[in-house]
PDB file of N, CA and C in Angstrom:
ATOM      1  N   MET A   1       0.822  -1.178   0.000  1.00  0.00           N
ATOM      2  CA  MET A   1       0.000   0.000   0.000  1.00  0.00           C
ATOM      3  C   MET A   1       0.872   1.250   0.000  1.00  0.00           C
ATOM      4  N   LEU A   2       1.922   1.285   0.820  1.00  0.00           N
ATOM      5  CA  LEU A   2       2.786   2.468   0.846  1.00  0.00           C
ATOM      6  C   LEU A   2       3.535   2.643  -0.462  1.00  0.00           C
ATOM      7  N   THR A   3       3.939   1.543  -1.078  1.00  0.00           N
ATOM      8  CA  THR A   3       4.620   1.636  -2.370  1.00  0.00           C
ATOM      9  C   THR A   3       3.691   2.232  -3.413  1.00  0.00           C
ATOM     10  N   LEU A   4       2.451   1.801  -3.422  1.00  0.00           N
ATOM     11  CA  LEU A   4       1.452   2.349  -4.336  1.00  0.00           C
ATOM     12  C   LEU A   4       1.256   3.841  -4.072  1.00  0.00           C
ATOM     13  N   ALA A   5       1.109   4.223  -2.814  1.00  0.00           N
ATOM     14  CA  ALA A   5       0.913   5.629  -2.464  1.00  0.00           C
ATOM     15  C   ALA A   5       2.112   6.475  -2.858  1.00  0.00           C
ATOM     16  N   ARG A   6       3.310   5.963  -2.596  1.00  0.00           N
ATOM     17  CA  ARG A   6       4.511   6.725  -2.967  1.00  0.00           C
ATOM     18  C   ARG A   6       4.600   6.914  -4.474  1.00  0.00           C
ATOM     19  N   GLU A   7       4.329   5.866  -5.227  1.00  0.00           N
ATOM     20  CA  GLU A   7       4.426   5.978  -6.684  1.00  0.00           C
ATOM     21  C   GLU A   7       3.350   6.917  -7.227  1.00  0.00           C
ATOM     22  N   MET A   8       2.135   6.820  -6.707  1.00  0.00           N
ATOM     23  CA  MET A   8       1.077   7.729  -7.162  1.00  0.00           C
ATOM     24  C   MET A   8       1.409   9.173  -6.828  1.00  0.00           C
ATOM     25  N   THR A   9       2.013   9.392  -5.675  1.00  0.00           N
ATOM     26  CA  THR A   9       2.324  10.745  -5.235  1.00  0.00           C
ATOM     27  C   THR A   9       3.531  11.310  -5.967  1.00  0.00           C
ATOM     28  N   THR A  10       4.524  10.480  -6.180  1.00  0.00           N
ATOM     29  CA  THR A  10       5.762  10.942  -6.804  1.00  0.00           C
ATOM     30  C   THR A  10       5.670  10.996  -8.325  1.00  0.00           C
ATOM     31  N   ASN A  11       5.147   9.933  -8.922  1.00  0.00           N
ATOM     32  CA  ASN A  11       5.151   9.810 -10.382  1.00  0.00           C
ATOM     33  C   ASN A  11       3.786  10.043 -11.018  1.00  0.00           C
ATOM     34  N   ILE A  12       2.759  10.120 -10.224  1.00  0.00           N
ATOM     35  CA  ILE A  12       1.357  10.206 -10.633  1.00  0.00           C
ATOM     36  C   ILE A  12       0.899   8.889 -11.269  1.00  0.00           C
ATOM     37  N   ALA A  13       1.551   8.458 -12.353  1.00  0.00           N
ATOM     38  CA  ALA A  13       1.210   7.165 -12.953  1.00  0.00           C
ATOM     39  C   ALA A  13       1.834   6.049 -12.114  1.00  0.00           C
ATOM     40  N   VAL A  14       1.236   4.880 -12.170  1.00  0.00           N
ATOM     41  CA  VAL A  14       1.718   3.722 -11.408  1.00  0.00           C
ATOM     42  C   VAL A  14       2.236   2.682 -12.388  1.00  0.00           C
ATOM     43  N   SER A  15       3.409   2.143 -12.094  1.00  0.00           N
ATOM     44  CA  SER A  15       3.972   1.119 -12.968  1.00  0.00           C
ATOM     45  C   SER A  15       3.113  -0.140 -12.934  1.00  0.00           C
ATOM     46  N   ASP A  16       3.209  -0.915 -13.989  1.00  0.00           N
ATOM     47  CA  ASP A  16       2.453  -2.172 -14.055  1.00  0.00           C
ATOM     48  C   ASP A  16       2.837  -3.099 -12.912  1.00  0.00           C
ATOM     49  N   ALA A  17       4.119  -3.136 -12.577  1.00  0.00           N
ATOM     50  CA  ALA A  17       4.580  -4.039 -11.521  1.00  0.00           C
ATOM     51  C   ALA A  17       3.950  -3.687 -10.169  1.00  0.00           C
ATOM     52  N   ILE A  18       3.919  -2.415  -9.844  1.00  0.00           N
ATOM     53  CA  ILE A  18       3.339  -2.000  -8.567  1.00  0.00           C
ATOM     54  C   ILE A  18       1.820  -2.185  -8.575  1.00  0.00           C
ATOM     55  N   PHE A  19       1.184  -1.874  -9.689  1.00  0.00           N
ATOM     56  CA  PHE A  19      -0.269  -2.071  -9.756  1.00  0.00           C
ATOM     57  C   PHE A  19      -0.615  -3.556  -9.663  1.00  0.00           C
ATOM     58  N   ASP A  20       0.160  -4.401 -10.321  1.00  0.00           N
ATOM     59  CA  ASP A  20      -0.085  -5.848 -10.237  1.00  0.00           C
ATOM     60  C   ASP A  20       0.103  -6.361  -8.814  1.00  0.00           C
ATOM     61  N   ALA A  21       1.114  -5.825  -8.107  1.00  0.00           N
ATOM     62  CA  ALA A  21       1.338  -6.231  -6.717  1.00  0.00           C
ATOM     63  C   ALA A  21       0.165  -5.790  -5.836  1.00  0.00           C
ATOM     64  N   ALA A  22      -0.338  -4.586  -6.068  1.00  0.00           N
ATOM     65  CA  ALA A  22      -1.494  -4.110  -5.301  1.00  0.00           C
ATOM     66  C   ALA A  22      -2.731  -4.945  -5.620  1.00  0.00           C
ATOM     67  N   ARG A  23      -2.907  -5.278  -6.888  1.00  0.00           N
ATOM     68  CA  ARG A  23      -4.055  -6.095  -7.303  1.00  0.00           C
ATOM     69  C   ARG A  23      -4.006  -7.480  -6.657  1.00  0.00           C
ATOM     70  N   ALA A  24      -2.801  -7.991  -6.426  1.00  0.00           N
ATOM     71  CA  ALA A  24      -2.660  -9.300  -5.784  1.00  0.00           C
ATOM     72  C   ALA A  24      -3.019  -9.242  -4.297  1.00  0.00           C
ATOM     73  N   CYS A  25      -2.929  -8.051  -3.706  1.00  0.00           N
ATOM     74  CA  CYS A  25      -3.200  -7.900  -2.272  1.00  0.00           C
ATOM     75  C   CYS A  25      -4.635  -7.495  -1.958  1.00  0.00           C
ATOM     76  N   PHE A  26      -5.280  -6.804  -2.887  1.00  0.00           N
ATOM     77  CA  PHE A  26      -6.606  -6.233  -2.615  1.00  0.00           C
ATOM     78  C   PHE A  26      -7.591  -6.634  -3.696  1.00  0.00           C
ATOM     79  N   ASP A  27      -8.853  -6.801  -3.300  1.00  0.00           N
ATOM     80  CA  ASP A  27      -9.864  -7.054  -4.326  1.00  0.00           C
ATOM     81  C   ASP A  27     -10.159  -5.744  -5.067  1.00  0.00           C
ATOM     82  N   LYS A  28     -10.923  -5.816  -6.144  1.00  0.00           N
ATOM     83  CA  LYS A  28     -11.148  -4.644  -7.006  1.00  0.00           C
ATOM     84  C   LYS A  28     -11.763  -3.477  -6.244  1.00  0.00           C
ATOM     85  N   GLU A  29     -12.767  -3.768  -5.430  1.00  0.00           N
ATOM     86  CA  GLU A  29     -13.451  -2.697  -4.691  1.00  0.00           C
ATOM     87  C   GLU A  29     -12.499  -1.978  -3.743  1.00  0.00           C
ATOM     88  N   VAL A  30     -11.714  -2.723  -3.002  1.00  0.00           N
ATOM     89  CA  VAL A  30     -10.766  -2.123  -2.054  1.00  0.00           C
ATOM     90  C   VAL A  30      -9.682  -1.357  -2.807  1.00  0.00           C
ATOM     91  N   LEU A  31      -9.203  -1.896  -3.907  1.00  0.00           N
ATOM     92  CA  LEU A  31      -8.166  -1.227  -4.686  1.00  0.00           C
ATOM     93  C   LEU A  31      -8.678   0.107  -5.235  1.00  0.00           C
ATOM     94  N   VAL A  32      -9.909   0.132  -5.731  1.00  0.00           N
ATOM     95  CA  VAL A  32     -10.480   1.385  -6.237  1.00  0.00           C
ATOM     96  C   VAL A  32     -10.592   2.409  -5.103  1.00  0.00           C
ATOM     97  N   GLU A  33     -11.085   1.987  -3.945  1.00  0.00           N
ATOM     98  CA  GLU A  33     -11.198   2.902  -2.810  1.00  0.00           C
ATOM     99  C   GLU A  33      -9.837   3.395  -2.351  1.00  0.00           C
ATOM    100  N   LEU A  34      -8.855   2.515  -2.330  1.00  0.00           N
ATOM    101  CA  LEU A  34      -7.508   2.886  -1.925  1.00  0.00           C
ATOM    102  C   LEU A  34      -6.919   3.922  -2.879  1.00  0.00           C
ATOM    103  N   VAL A  35      -7.034   3.682  -4.177  1.00  0.00           N
ATOM    104  CA  VAL A  35      -6.520   4.626  -5.164  1.00  0.00           C
ATOM    105  C   VAL A  35      -7.257   5.967  -5.054  1.00  0.00           C
ATOM    106  N   MET A  36      -8.568   5.929  -4.821  1.00  0.00           N
ATOM    107  CA  MET A  36      -9.326   7.178  -4.657  1.00  0.00           C
ATOM    108  C   MET A  36      -8.842   7.956  -3.438  1.00  0.00           C
ATOM    109  N   GLU A  37      -8.599   7.283  -2.335  1.00  0.00           N
ATOM    110  CA  GLU A  37      -8.135   7.964  -1.115  1.00  0.00           C
ATOM    111  C   GLU A  37      -6.744   8.559  -1.316  1.00  0.00           C
ATOM    112  N   ILE A  38      -5.852   7.803  -1.925  1.00  0.00           N
ATOM    113  CA  ILE A  38      -4.504   8.321  -2.188  1.00  0.00           C
ATOM    114  C   ILE A  38      -4.582   9.549  -3.089  1.00  0.00           C
ATOM    115  N   ALA A  39      -5.371   9.471  -4.138  1.00  0.00           N
ATOM    116  CA  ALA A  39      -5.531  10.598  -5.060  1.00  0.00           C
ATOM    117  C   ALA A  39      -6.140  11.807  -4.342  1.00  0.00           C
ATOM    118  N   HIS A  40      -7.112  11.558  -3.487  1.00  0.00           N
ATOM    119  CA  HIS A  40      -7.750  12.653  -2.751  1.00  0.00           C
ATOM    120  C   HIS A  40      -6.737  13.383  -1.874  1.00  0.00           C
ATOM    121  N   TYR A  41      -5.988  12.646  -1.076  1.00  0.00           N
ATOM    122  CA  TYR A  41      -5.026  13.288  -0.183  1.00  0.00           C
ATOM    123  C   TYR A  41      -3.904  13.972  -0.956  1.00  0.00           C
ATOM    124  N   ALA A  42      -3.505  13.402  -2.082  1.00  0.00           N
ATOM    125  CA  ALA A  42      -2.495  14.053  -2.915  1.00  0.00           C
ATOM    126  C   ALA A  42      -3.034  15.375  -3.470  1.00  0.00           C
ATOM    127  N   SER A  43      -4.303  15.384  -3.867  1.00  0.00           N
ATOM    128  CA  SER A  43      -4.884  16.626  -4.390  1.00  0.00           C
ATOM    129  C   SER A  43      -5.011  17.684  -3.297  1.00  0.00           C
ATOM    130  N   VAL A  44      -5.358  17.273  -2.091  1.00  0.00           N
ATOM    131  CA  VAL A  44      -5.426  18.213  -0.973  1.00  0.00           C
ATOM    132  C   VAL A  44      -4.041  18.802  -0.706  1.00  0.00           C
ATOM    133  N   ALA A  45      -3.024  17.953  -0.718  1.00  0.00           N
ATOM    134  CA  ALA A  45      -1.656  18.438  -0.489  1.00  0.00           C
ATOM    135  C   ALA A  45      -1.241  19.438  -1.563  1.00  0.00           C
ATOM    136  N   ARG A  46      -1.554  19.149  -2.806  1.00  0.00           N
ATOM    137  CA  ARG A  46      -1.214  20.079  -3.896  1.00  0.00           C
ATOM    138  C   ARG A  46      -2.002  21.384  -3.776  1.00  0.00           C
ATOM    139  N   PHE A  47      -3.257  21.307  -3.396  1.00  0.00           N
ATOM    140  CA  PHE A  47      -4.088  22.486  -3.201  1.00  0.00           C
ATOM    141  C   PHE A  47      -3.503  23.378  -2.117  1.00  0.00           C
ATOM    142  N   LEU A  48      -3.152  22.787  -0.979  1.00  0.00           N
ATOM    143  CA  LEU A  48      -2.592  23.559   0.133  1.00  0.00           C
ATOM    144  C   LEU A  48      -1.235  24.140  -0.224  1.00  0.00           C
ATOM    145  N   ALA A  49      -0.425  23.380  -0.962  1.00  0.00           N
ATOM    146  CA  ALA A  49       0.884  23.878  -1.376  1.00  0.00           C
ATOM    147  C   ALA A  49       0.734  25.044  -2.342  1.00  0.00           C
ATOM    148  N   ALA A  50      -0.206  24.963  -3.264  1.00  0.00           N
ATOM    149  CA  ALA A  50      -0.419  26.044  -4.232  1.00  0.00           C
ATOM    150  C   ALA A  50      -0.844  27.336  -3.548  1.00  0.00           C
ATOM    151  N   LEU A  51      -1.598  27.198  -2.463  1.00  0.00           N
ATOM    152  CA  LEU A  51      -2.041  28.378  -1.718  1.00  0.00           C
ATOM    153  C   LEU A  51      -1.036  28.806  -0.652  1.00  0.00           C
ATOM    154  N   LYS A  52       0.088  28.089  -0.592  1.00  0.00           N
ATOM    155  CA  LYS A  52       1.140  28.376   0.397  1.00  0.00           C
ATOM    156  C   LYS A  52       0.570  28.410   1.814  1.00  0.00           C
ATOM    157  N   THR A  53      -0.255  27.420   2.105  1.00  0.00           N
ATOM    158  CA  THR A  53      -0.877  27.304   3.417  1.00  0.00           C
ATOM    159  C   THR A  53       0.172  26.933   4.455  1.00  0.00           C
ATOM    160  N   ASP A  54       0.212  27.673   5.534  1.00  0.00           N
ATOM    161  CA  ASP A  54       1.170  27.393   6.601  1.00  0.00           C
ATOM    162  C   ASP A  54       0.745  26.170   7.396  1.00  0.00           C
ATOM    163  N   LEU A  55       1.728  25.481   7.935  1.00  0.00           N
ATOM    164  CA  LEU A  55       1.458  24.359   8.827  1.00  0.00           C
ATOM    165  C   LEU A  55       0.977  24.872  10.173  1.00  0.00           C
ATOM    166  N   GLN A  56       0.207  24.052  10.828  1.00  0.00           N
ATOM    167  CA  GLN A  56      -0.126  24.332  12.207  1.00  0.00           C
ATOM    168  C   GLN A  56       1.141  24.082  13.028  1.00  0.00           C
ATOM    169  N   PRO A  57       1.305  24.745  14.161  1.00  0.00           N
ATOM    170  CA  PRO A  57       2.555  24.612  14.928  1.00  0.00           C
ATOM    171  C   PRO A  57       2.961  23.167  15.241  1.00  0.00           C
ATOM    172  N   ASP A  58       2.002  22.292  15.519  1.00  0.00           N
ATOM    173  CA  ASP A  58       2.328  20.913  15.889  1.00  0.00           C
ATOM    174  C   ASP A  58       2.609  20.012  14.695  1.00  0.00           C
ATOM    175  N   ASP A  59       2.281  20.453  13.480  1.00  0.00           N
ATOM    176  CA  ASP A  59       2.399  19.597  12.305  1.00  0.00           C
ATOM    177  C   ASP A  59       3.830  19.318  11.887  1.00  0.00           C
ATOM    178  N   GLN A  60       4.747  20.251  12.100  1.00  0.00           N
ATOM    179  CA  GLN A  60       6.117  20.067  11.641  1.00  0.00           C
ATOM    180  C   GLN A  60       6.772  18.848  12.285  1.00  0.00           C
ATOM    181  N   SER A  61       6.450  18.561  13.528  1.00  0.00           N
ATOM    182  CA  SER A  61       7.065  17.404  14.195  1.00  0.00           C
ATOM    183  C   SER A  61       6.683  16.100  13.500  1.00  0.00           C
ATOM    184  N   TYR A  62       5.466  16.011  12.952  1.00  0.00           N
ATOM    185  CA  TYR A  62       5.050  14.816  12.215  1.00  0.00           C
ATOM    186  C   TYR A  62       5.819  14.697  10.905  1.00  0.00           C
ATOM    187  N   LEU A  63       6.004  15.813  10.222  1.00  0.00           N
ATOM    188  CA  LEU A  63       6.754  15.794   8.978  1.00  0.00           C
ATOM    189  C   LEU A  63       8.214  15.426   9.202  1.00  0.00           C
ATOM    190  N   ASP A  64       8.787  15.889  10.299  1.00  0.00           N
ATOM    191  CA  ASP A  64      10.178  15.579  10.601  1.00  0.00           C
ATOM    192  C   ASP A  64      10.388  14.087  10.823  1.00  0.00           C
ATOM    193  N   LYS A  65       9.355  13.381  11.295  1.00  0.00           N
ATOM    194  CA  LYS A  65       9.429  11.944  11.546  1.00  0.00           C
ATOM    195  C   LYS A  65       9.086  11.112  10.306  1.00  0.00           C
ATOM    196  N   SER A  66       8.571  11.742   9.271  1.00  0.00           N
ATOM    197  CA  SER A  66       8.098  11.046   8.087  1.00  0.00           C
ATOM    198  C   SER A  66       9.246  10.397   7.316  1.00  0.00           C
ATOM    199  N   THR A  67       8.972   9.232   6.737  1.00  0.00           N
ATOM    200  CA  THR A  67       9.960   8.560   5.900  1.00  0.00           C
ATOM    201  C   THR A  67       9.744   8.888   4.432  1.00  0.00           C
ATOM    202  N   LEU A  68       8.711   9.683   4.138  1.00  0.00           N
ATOM    203  CA  LEU A  68       8.449  10.062   2.753  1.00  0.00           C
ATOM    204  C   LEU A  68       9.424  11.144   2.316  1.00  0.00           C
ATOM    205  N   PRO A  69       9.771  11.168   1.031  1.00  0.00           N
ATOM    206  CA  PRO A  69      10.688  12.216   0.572  1.00  0.00           C
ATOM    207  C   PRO A  69      10.061  13.585   0.697  1.00  0.00           C
ATOM    208  N   ALA A  70      10.899  14.571   0.900  1.00  0.00           N
ATOM    209  CA  ALA A  70      10.406  15.953   1.051  1.00  0.00           C
ATOM    210  C   ALA A  70       9.959  16.509  -0.276  1.00  0.00           C
TER     211      ALA A  70
END
């Protein structure tokens, strides 16, 4: 799931290998919902970044602990 989310967030398109691996783990309904949720949160992040929305004071500590690329 994290590999799928990272690829969708970083590359937008998902490689066949990663999509096939996700398909092997989840049924069609769950996979569609998962992809929709990842896309939704990615769009929210892009929306907030475009508006240069500031973080709440406590949010930076979560980002500092994140393993996702900056």
